[in-house]
Structure formats: C-alpha cells, structure tokens
Amino acid sequence: MINKTKQELQKRLKNIQERLGKTKDLEIKKLSELGDDVFAAFDRAMQAVNAKTNIFTELKKKRGQLKTWKISFLESFFPISVPHLISMPFIYGMIIPAILFHIGLEIYHRVAFRLYNIPLVRARYYFVYDRQRLPYLNWFEKFNCLYCSYFNNLMRFATEIAGRTERYWCPIKHAARIQKSHSQYNTFVEYLDAADFREKWESLRDFSDLEGGQTCKTKKPQRPSL
C-alpha cells in the first residue's frame, strides 16, 4: 500500500516537473496552482498511508470507551420532533430519483468515456462507507449515516465525471471566481486566453496525467473542425 502511494506521488510530481520544464513563461498564478497540485498529491498520499492504519487501529483500542456513548433507538427517535417527522417523506423519498440519476450517470459514464477515451472514474474512491464501524452509533443512526453517505458520495462521484467531461469539451475557466471547483478545473485555460485555448484544447484531452483512473482501451476520436 505504501509503495503504491509513493509511486503514484512520484509519478504526479514528475508530471508537474515536466509541465514546468516545457513552459518558460509561467505566470505567478499558474505556479501557485502547480504548487497546490503538489500539496494535494502529497496530502492524498499521506491520507492513503495513514487512514486505515492509524484510524482503525485507534478505533479498536477505544471501542469500549466509544461504546459508552451509544444510546438506544428510542432515545434517538423520541421525543418526536414535528419538523423531523414532516420532513421524513421528503428525505427518504429522495432515494428514488437518486437511484434513477445514478443509473443514468453510469450509463453515460461507461459509454461516453469509452468513446472519448477518458479514464473511467473509480467508484471505490468516492463511495466510502465506514461509519457503520463506529460503536457509539445505534442501528437507526448507522442507517441514516449510510443514507447520507450514499447521497454525498454520489454527488462527489457525479462531480468528478462532470469535471472530466467539462475538461474534454469546454476547458475554459469562468470569469467569476468559483468557490468550490472540481479536480480538473485548475487545468483549464484562462477566460480571455483564446490562443491558449486553441493551442491546449487537444492536449487537455489527453488524460494521462490522471491518477487512479481506469483507462479505456479505445481509439481517441478526432475533434470536429470548428
């Protein structure tokens, strides 16, 4: 596990180094973005190394202590909150559109990404379910955590798919500042940089810089003439 994450980090850093070597007139802003890439890559590597070893080892040691904070299902459900009761059909009813959206998203993801030769997004990196291990949660709380995790994980998964699609079709930054952007946004060209857009659009369709994606073994389609 450690060796794998080290190799991924080294590959990512080498890619950034090559980008720096090829571009002589980088602006300070672009250098800052590359610096963010370095820190993000390092942070992901460290999280991958430490997460399962430290957190779950500590969880085993503290299981008895954590379990003392567990309450019964009745205590978590009663006294009944009227706003919570009224909202329940709307909350749990969302599972139907979520599943339909998930199915449609996967059909697009599996078909279009293969046609475009975009690496598939690995669902296991986004659909994380580990709260059921917590001994201080009762079954009802664990169910709600599972439900919330599915929705939020689905949105993160969809955001990555949408981000890679946007990079393929329209890799241009917005004029307005984006508060929370997807993982591909920093690779986009500046809003008014038309020359950069025409020069880099085709190269941005090369997703070989991505880590952890499933590569689609298909011929890269030609960009239609504009």
C-alpha atoms as a PDB file:
ATOM      1  CA  MET A   1       0.000   0.000   0.000  1.00  0.00           C
ATOM      2  CA  ILE A   2       2.766   2.431   0.998  1.00  0.00           C
ATOM      3  CA  ASN A   3       4.879   1.595  -2.057  1.00  0.00           C
ATOM      4  CA  LYS A   4       1.904   2.087  -4.354  1.00  0.00           C
ATOM      5  CA  THR A   5       1.086   5.529  -2.955  1.00  0.00           C
ATOM      6  CA  LYS A   6       4.757   6.527  -3.150  1.00  0.00           C
ATOM      7  CA  GLN A   7       4.854   5.530  -6.813  1.00  0.00           C
ATOM      8  CA  GLU A   8       1.664   7.473  -7.542  1.00  0.00           C
ATOM      9  CA  LEU A   9       3.053  10.542  -5.767  1.00  0.00           C
ATOM     10  CA  GLN A  10       6.354  10.308  -7.651  1.00  0.00           C
ATOM     11  CA  LYS A  11       4.529   9.995 -10.965  1.00  0.00           C
ATOM     12  CA  ARG A  12       2.355  13.017 -10.171  1.00  0.00           C
ATOM     13  CA  LEU A  13       5.339  15.139  -9.129  1.00  0.00           C
ATOM     14  CA  LYS A  14       7.255  14.110 -12.250  1.00  0.00           C
ATOM     15  CA  ASN A  15       4.318  15.179 -14.403  1.00  0.00           C
ATOM     16  CA  ILE A  16       4.254  18.584 -12.703  1.00  0.00           C
ATOM     17  CA  GLN A  17       8.028  18.914 -13.177  1.00  0.00           C
ATOM     18  CA  GLU A  18       7.675  18.215 -16.891  1.00  0.00           C
ATOM     19  CA  ARG A  19       4.963  20.862 -17.178  1.00  0.00           C
ATOM     20  CA  LEU A  20       7.272  23.369 -15.532  1.00  0.00           C
ATOM     21  CA  GLY A  21      10.133  22.428 -17.858  1.00  0.00           C
ATOM     22  CA  LYS A  22       8.098  22.845 -21.025  1.00  0.00           C
ATOM     23  CA  THR A  23       6.674  26.245 -20.122  1.00  0.00           C
ATOM     24  CA  LYS A  24       9.138  29.100 -19.808  1.00  0.00           C
ATOM     25  CA  ASP A  25       6.744  31.965 -19.225  1.00  0.00           C
ATOM     26  CA  LEU A  26       4.584  30.681 -16.402  1.00  0.00           C
ATOM     27  CA  GLU A  27       2.703  33.336 -14.504  1.00  0.00           C
ATOM     28  CA  ILE A  28       2.785  33.511 -10.712  1.00  0.00           C
ATOM     29  CA  LYS A  29      -0.828  32.380 -10.603  1.00  0.00           C
ATOM     30  CA  LYS A  30      -0.080  29.254 -12.624  1.00  0.00           C
ATOM     31  CA  LEU A  31       2.914  28.491 -10.425  1.00  0.00           C
ATOM     32  CA  SER A  32       0.639  28.765  -7.406  1.00  0.00           C
ATOM     33  CA  GLU A  33      -1.788  26.315  -8.997  1.00  0.00           C
ATOM     34  CA  LEU A  34       1.018  23.848  -9.643  1.00  0.00           C
ATOM     35  CA  GLY A  35       2.085  24.247  -6.032  1.00  0.00           C
ATOM     36  CA  ASP A  36      -1.448  23.387  -4.982  1.00  0.00           C
ATOM     37  CA  ASP A  37      -1.207  20.254  -7.130  1.00  0.00           C
ATOM     38  CA  VAL A  38       1.958  19.229  -5.295  1.00  0.00           C
ATOM     39  CA  PHE A  39       0.406  19.701  -1.855  1.00  0.00           C
ATOM     40  CA  ALA A  40      -2.796  17.939  -2.945  1.00  0.00           C
ATOM     41  CA  ALA A  41      -0.841  14.959  -4.285  1.00  0.00           C
ATOM     42  CA  PHE A  42       1.232  14.764  -1.097  1.00  0.00           C
ATOM     43  CA  ASP A  43      -1.878  15.047   1.075  1.00  0.00           C
ATOM     44  CA  ARG A  44      -3.639  12.238  -0.809  1.00  0.00           C
ATOM     45  CA  ALA A  45      -0.599  10.009  -0.451  1.00  0.00           C
ATOM     46  CA  MET A  46      -0.310  10.625   3.273  1.00  0.00           C
ATOM     47  CA  GLN A  47      -4.013  10.056   3.821  1.00  0.00           C
ATOM     48  CA  ALA A  48      -3.859   6.768   1.930  1.00  0.00           C
ATOM     49  CA  VAL A  49      -0.930   5.601   4.062  1.00  0.00           C
ATOM     50  CA  ASN A  50      -2.316   6.667   7.436  1.00  0.00           C
ATOM     51  CA  ALA A  51      -6.080   6.328   7.193  1.00  0.00           C
ATOM     52  CA  LYS A  52      -6.566   2.586   7.584  1.00  0.00           C
ATOM     53  CA  THR A  53      -3.600   2.026   9.872  1.00  0.00           C
ATOM     54  CA  ASN A  54      -3.927   4.808  12.438  1.00  0.00           C
ATOM     55  CA  ILE A  55      -7.673   5.484  12.496  1.00  0.00           C
ATOM     56  CA  PHE A  56      -8.904   1.892  12.584  1.00  0.00           C
ATOM     57  CA  THR A  57      -6.177   0.795  14.993  1.00  0.00           C
ATOM     58  CA  GLU A  58      -7.225   3.596  17.325  1.00  0.00           C
ATOM     59  CA  LEU A  59     -10.872   2.610  16.830  1.00  0.00           C
ATOM     60  CA  LYS A  60     -10.152  -0.931  18.048  1.00  0.00           C
ATOM     61  CA  LYS A  61      -8.339   0.384  21.119  1.00  0.00           C
ATOM     62  CA  LYS A  62     -11.135   2.806  22.011  1.00  0.00           C
ATOM     63  CA  ARG A  63     -14.097   0.561  21.121  1.00  0.00           C
ATOM     64  CA  GLY A  64     -15.125   0.052  24.732  1.00  0.00           C
ATOM     65  CA  GLN A  65     -14.764   3.716  25.590  1.00  0.00           C
ATOM     66  CA  LEU A  66     -16.689   4.835  22.489  1.00  0.00           C
ATOM     67  CA  LYS A  67     -19.464   2.328  23.106  1.00  0.00           C
ATOM     68  CA  THR A  68     -20.346   4.046  26.384  1.00  0.00           C
ATOM     69  CA  TRP A  69     -21.710   6.935  24.271  1.00  0.00           C
ATOM     70  CA  LYS A  70     -24.174   4.707  22.456  1.00  0.00           C
ATOM     71  CA  ILE A  71     -27.871   5.420  23.036  1.00  0.00           C
ATOM     72  CA  SER A  72     -30.877   3.284  22.201  1.00  0.00           C
ATOM     73  CA  PHE A  73     -33.010   3.697  19.113  1.00  0.00           C
ATOM     74  CA  LEU A  74     -35.872   5.065  21.209  1.00  0.00           C
ATOM     75  CA  GLU A  75     -33.651   7.745  22.739  1.00  0.00           C
ATOM     76  CA  SER A  76     -32.551   8.935  19.313  1.00  0.00           C
ATOM     77  CA  PHE A  77     -36.094   8.922  17.920  1.00  0.00           C
ATOM     78  CA  PHE A  78     -38.081  10.195  20.915  1.00  0.00           C
ATOM     79  CA  PRO A  79     -39.251  12.755  21.850  1.00  0.00           C
ATOM     80  CA  ILE A  80     -40.524  13.098  18.294  1.00  0.00           C
ATOM     81  CA  SER A  81     -39.621  16.342  16.556  1.00  0.00           C
ATOM     82  CA  VAL A  82     -42.531  17.576  14.442  1.00  0.00           C
ATOM     83  CA  PRO A  83     -40.281  19.224  11.774  1.00  0.00           C
ATOM     84  CA  HIS A  84     -38.257  15.998  11.522  1.00  0.00           C
ATOM     85  CA  LEU A  85     -41.416  13.913  11.212  1.00  0.00           C
ATOM     86  CA  ILE A  86     -42.846  16.141   8.473  1.00  0.00           C
ATOM     87  CA  SER A  87     -39.598  16.094   6.512  1.00  0.00           C
ATOM     88  CA  MET A  88     -39.133  12.300   6.601  1.00  0.00           C
ATOM     89  CA  PRO A  89     -41.129  11.520   3.403  1.00  0.00           C
ATOM     90  CA  PHE A  90     -39.165  14.186   1.549  1.00  0.00           C
ATOM     91  CA  ILE A  91     -35.808  12.967   2.866  1.00  0.00           C
ATOM     92  CA  TYR A  92     -36.255   9.229   2.353  1.00  0.00           C
ATOM     93  CA  GLY A  93     -38.330   9.712  -0.806  1.00  0.00           C
ATOM     94  CA  MET A  94     -35.254  11.185  -2.492  1.00  0.00           C
ATOM     95  CA  ILE A  95     -33.797   7.683  -2.785  1.00  0.00           C
ATOM     96  CA  ILE A  96     -35.929   7.068  -5.904  1.00  0.00           C
ATOM     97  CA  PRO A  97     -34.615  10.000  -8.019  1.00  0.00           C
ATOM     98  CA  ALA A  98     -31.123   9.343  -6.654  1.00  0.00           C
ATOM     99  CA  ILE A  99     -31.118   5.746  -7.895  1.00  0.00           C
ATOM    100  CA  LEU A 100     -32.536   6.785 -11.279  1.00  0.00           C
ATOM    101  CA  PHE A 101     -29.879   9.500 -11.533  1.00  0.00           C
ATOM    102  CA  HIS A 102     -27.168   7.012 -10.559  1.00  0.00           C
ATOM    103  CA  ILE A 103     -28.278   4.560 -13.249  1.00  0.00           C
ATOM    104  CA  GLY A 104     -28.369   7.261 -15.933  1.00  0.00           C
ATOM    105  CA  LEU A 105     -25.000   8.622 -14.785  1.00  0.00           C
ATOM    106  CA  GLU A 106     -23.359   5.207 -15.015  1.00  0.00           C
ATOM    107  CA  ILE A 107     -24.763   4.555 -18.485  1.00  0.00           C
ATOM    108  CA  TYR A 108     -23.316   7.857 -19.700  1.00  0.00           C
ATOM    109  CA  HIS A 109     -20.066   7.288 -17.805  1.00  0.00           C
ATOM    110  CA  ARG A 110     -19.462   3.787 -19.164  1.00  0.00           C
ATOM    111  CA  VAL A 111     -20.462   4.555 -22.748  1.00  0.00           C
ATOM    112  CA  ALA A 112     -19.293   8.139 -23.415  1.00  0.00           C
ATOM    113  CA  PHE A 113     -15.977   7.910 -21.557  1.00  0.00           C
ATOM    114  CA  ARG A 114     -15.002   4.883 -23.630  1.00  0.00           C
ATOM    115  CA  LEU A 115     -15.886   6.744 -26.818  1.00  0.00           C
ATOM    116  CA  TYR A 116     -13.867   9.793 -25.731  1.00  0.00           C
ATOM    117  CA  ASN A 117     -11.004   7.702 -24.295  1.00  0.00           C
ATOM    118  CA  ILE A 118     -11.379   9.390 -20.901  1.00  0.00           C
ATOM    119  CA  PRO A 119     -10.236   7.265 -17.933  1.00  0.00           C
ATOM    120  CA  LEU A 120     -13.217   5.886 -16.039  1.00  0.00           C
ATOM    121  CA  VAL A 121     -13.753   7.276 -12.552  1.00  0.00           C
ATOM    122  CA  ARG A 122     -13.139   4.601  -9.922  1.00  0.00           C
ATOM    123  CA  ALA A 123     -16.275   4.451  -7.807  1.00  0.00           C
ATOM    124  CA  ARG A 124     -14.415   2.919  -4.863  1.00  0.00           C
ATOM    125  CA  TYR A 125     -12.511   6.167  -4.416  1.00  0.00           C
ATOM    126  CA  TYR A 126     -15.788   8.049  -3.917  1.00  0.00           C
ATOM    127  CA  PHE A 127     -18.279   5.625  -2.364  1.00  0.00           C
ATOM    128  CA  VAL A 128     -16.822   5.313   1.114  1.00  0.00           C
ATOM    129  CA  TYR A 129     -18.837   3.663   3.877  1.00  0.00           C
ATOM    130  CA  ASP A 130     -17.052   3.357   7.213  1.00  0.00           C
ATOM    131  CA  ARG A 131     -19.341   4.987   9.766  1.00  0.00           C
ATOM    132  CA  GLN A 132     -21.069   1.662  10.456  1.00  0.00           C
ATOM    133  CA  ARG A 133     -17.878   0.671  12.300  1.00  0.00           C
ATOM    134  CA  LEU A 134     -18.467   3.303  14.958  1.00  0.00           C
ATOM    135  CA  PRO A 135     -19.625   1.619  18.185  1.00  0.00           C
ATOM    136  CA  TYR A 136     -21.305   4.752  19.594  1.00  0.00           C
ATOM    137  CA  LEU A 137     -23.995   4.733  16.874  1.00  0.00           C
ATOM    138  CA  ASN A 138     -27.169   2.654  17.147  1.00  0.00           C
ATOM    139  CA  TRP A 139     -28.726   0.914  14.126  1.00  0.00           C
ATOM    140  CA  PHE A 140     -31.002   3.857  13.283  1.00  0.00           C
ATOM    141  CA  GLU A 141     -28.126   6.342  13.353  1.00  0.00           C
ATOM    142  CA  LYS A 142     -25.997   3.993  11.249  1.00  0.00           C
ATOM    143  CA  PHE A 143     -28.805   3.701   8.708  1.00  0.00           C
ATOM    144  CA  ASN A 144     -29.084   7.487   8.446  1.00  0.00           C
ATOM    145  CA  CYS A 145     -25.306   7.792   8.107  1.00  0.00           C
ATOM    146  CA  LEU A 146     -25.356   5.190   5.338  1.00  0.00           C
ATOM    147  CA  TYR A 147     -28.160   7.068   3.576  1.00  0.00           C
ATOM    148  CA  CYS A 148     -26.368  10.420   3.837  1.00  0.00           C
ATOM    149  CA  SER A 149     -23.077   8.865   2.736  1.00  0.00           C
ATOM    150  CA  TYR A 150     -24.678   7.413  -0.385  1.00  0.00           C
ATOM    151  CA  PHE A 151     -26.130  10.766  -1.443  1.00  0.00           C
ATOM    152  CA  ASN A 152     -22.980  12.798  -0.775  1.00  0.00           C
ATOM    153  CA  ASN A 153     -20.716  10.158  -2.308  1.00  0.00           C
ATOM    154  CA  LEU A 154     -22.956  10.048  -5.374  1.00  0.00           C
ATOM    155  CA  MET A 155     -22.679  13.821  -5.770  1.00  0.00           C
ATOM    156  CA  ARG A 156     -18.885  13.715  -5.465  1.00  0.00           C
ATOM    157  CA  PHE A 157     -18.757  10.857  -7.968  1.00  0.00           C
ATOM    158  CA  ALA A 158     -21.000  12.776 -10.375  1.00  0.00           C
ATOM    159  CA  THR A 159     -18.900  15.933  -9.931  1.00  0.00           C
ATOM    160  CA  GLU A 160     -15.743  14.104 -10.992  1.00  0.00           C
ATOM    161  CA  ILE A 161     -17.477  12.624 -14.034  1.00  0.00           C
ATOM    162  CA  ALA A 162     -18.844  16.050 -14.954  1.00  0.00           C
ATOM    163  CA  GLY A 163     -15.429  17.649 -14.386  1.00  0.00           C
ATOM    164  CA  ARG A 164     -13.681  15.265 -16.744  1.00  0.00           C
ATOM    165  CA  THR A 165     -16.419  15.813 -19.307  1.00  0.00           C
ATOM    166  CA  GLU A 166     -16.036  19.577 -18.999  1.00  0.00           C
ATOM    167  CA  ARG A 167     -12.274  19.249 -19.455  1.00  0.00           C
ATOM    168  CA  TYR A 168     -12.865  17.319 -22.676  1.00  0.00           C
ATOM    169  CA  TRP A 169     -15.467  19.646 -24.189  1.00  0.00           C
ATOM    170  CA  CYS A 170     -15.021  23.104 -22.643  1.00  0.00           C
ATOM    171  CA  PRO A 171     -11.826  23.545 -20.595  1.00  0.00           C
ATOM    172  CA  ILE A 172     -12.217  27.298 -20.038  1.00  0.00           C
ATOM    173  CA  LYS A 173     -12.249  28.918 -16.607  1.00  0.00           C
ATOM    174  CA  HIS A 174     -15.196  31.140 -15.709  1.00  0.00           C
ATOM    175  CA  ALA A 175     -14.808  34.895 -15.457  1.00  0.00           C
ATOM    176  CA  ALA A 176     -16.327  34.808 -11.971  1.00  0.00           C
ATOM    177  CA  ARG A 177     -14.464  33.145  -9.144  1.00  0.00           C
ATOM    178  CA  ILE A 178     -15.599  29.587  -8.417  1.00  0.00           C
ATOM    179  CA  GLN A 179     -15.768  28.814  -4.702  1.00  0.00           C
ATOM    180  CA  LYS A 180     -15.715  25.025  -4.973  1.00  0.00           C
ATOM    181  CA  SER A 181     -14.348  23.656  -8.225  1.00  0.00           C
ATOM    182  CA  HIS A 182     -13.856  20.058  -9.360  1.00  0.00           C
ATOM    183  CA  SER A 183     -10.471  18.340  -9.633  1.00  0.00           C
ATOM    184  CA  GLN A 184      -9.935  19.245 -13.297  1.00  0.00           C
ATOM    185  CA  TYR A 185     -10.682  22.965 -13.076  1.00  0.00           C
ATOM    186  CA  ASN A 186      -7.089  24.110 -12.487  1.00  0.00           C
ATOM    187  CA  THR A 187      -6.045  22.559 -15.805  1.00  0.00           C
ATOM    188  CA  PHE A 188      -8.454  24.822 -17.729  1.00  0.00           C
ATOM    189  CA  VAL A 189      -7.280  27.854 -19.711  1.00  0.00           C
ATOM    190  CA  GLU A 190      -7.950  31.419 -18.609  1.00  0.00           C
ATOM    191  CA  TYR A 191     -11.217  33.072 -19.615  1.00  0.00           C
ATOM    192  CA  LEU A 192      -9.769  35.559 -22.137  1.00  0.00           C
ATOM    193  CA  ASP A 193      -6.830  33.466 -23.353  1.00  0.00           C
ATOM    194  CA  ALA A 194      -8.135  32.435 -26.785  1.00  0.00           C
ATOM    195  CA  ALA A 195      -4.692  31.489 -28.137  1.00  0.00           C
ATOM    196  CA  ASP A 196      -4.011  29.250 -25.149  1.00  0.00           C
ATOM    197  CA  PHE A 197      -7.402  27.601 -25.607  1.00  0.00           C
ATOM    198  CA  ARG A 198      -6.769  26.773 -29.268  1.00  0.00           C
ATOM    199  CA  GLU A 199      -3.252  25.550 -28.549  1.00  0.00           C
ATOM    200  CA  LYS A 200      -4.023  23.444 -25.493  1.00  0.00           C
ATOM    201  CA  TRP A 201      -7.517  22.097 -26.122  1.00  0.00           C
ATOM    202  CA  GLU A 202      -6.289  18.955 -27.843  1.00  0.00           C
ATOM    203  CA  SER A 203      -3.584  18.325 -25.235  1.00  0.00           C
ATOM    204  CA  LEU A 204      -6.118  18.725 -22.434  1.00  0.00           C
ATOM    205  CA  ARG A 205      -7.994  15.798 -23.954  1.00  0.00           C
ATOM    206  CA  ASP A 206      -5.020  13.653 -23.051  1.00  0.00           C
ATOM    207  CA  PHE A 207      -5.925  12.388 -19.582  1.00  0.00           C
ATOM    208  CA  SER A 208      -2.670  10.516 -18.988  1.00  0.00           C
ATOM    209  CA  ASP A 209      -1.941  12.859 -16.068  1.00  0.00           C
ATOM    210  CA  LEU A 210      -4.808  11.417 -14.014  1.00  0.00           C
ATOM    211  CA  GLU A 211      -4.004   9.074 -11.142  1.00  0.00           C
ATOM    212  CA  GLY A 212      -6.184   6.112 -10.260  1.00  0.00           C
ATOM    213  CA  GLY A 213      -8.472   6.207 -13.297  1.00  0.00           C
ATOM    214  CA  GLN A 214      -9.385   3.189 -15.366  1.00  0.00           C
ATOM    215  CA  THR A 215      -8.039   3.716 -18.870  1.00  0.00           C
ATOM    216  CA  CYS A 216     -10.441   2.979 -21.710  1.00  0.00           C
ATOM    217  CA  LYS A 217      -8.825   0.938 -24.456  1.00  0.00           C
ATOM    218  CA  THR A 218     -10.429   2.721 -27.379  1.00  0.00           C
ATOM    219  CA  LYS A 219      -9.228   4.880 -30.228  1.00  0.00           C
ATOM    220  CA  LYS A 220      -9.206   8.562 -29.446  1.00  0.00           C
ATOM    221  CA  PRO A 221     -11.831  10.347 -31.547  1.00  0.00           C
ATOM    222  CA  GLN A 222     -10.841  13.274 -33.718  1.00  0.00           C
ATOM    223  CA  ARG A 223     -12.006  16.747 -32.691  1.00  0.00           C
ATOM    224  CA  PRO A 224     -14.539  18.088 -35.172  1.00  0.00           C
ATOM    225  CA  SER A 225     -13.361  21.100 -37.163  1.00  0.00           C
ATOM    226  CA  LEU A 226     -14.582  24.446 -35.905  1.00  0.00           C
END
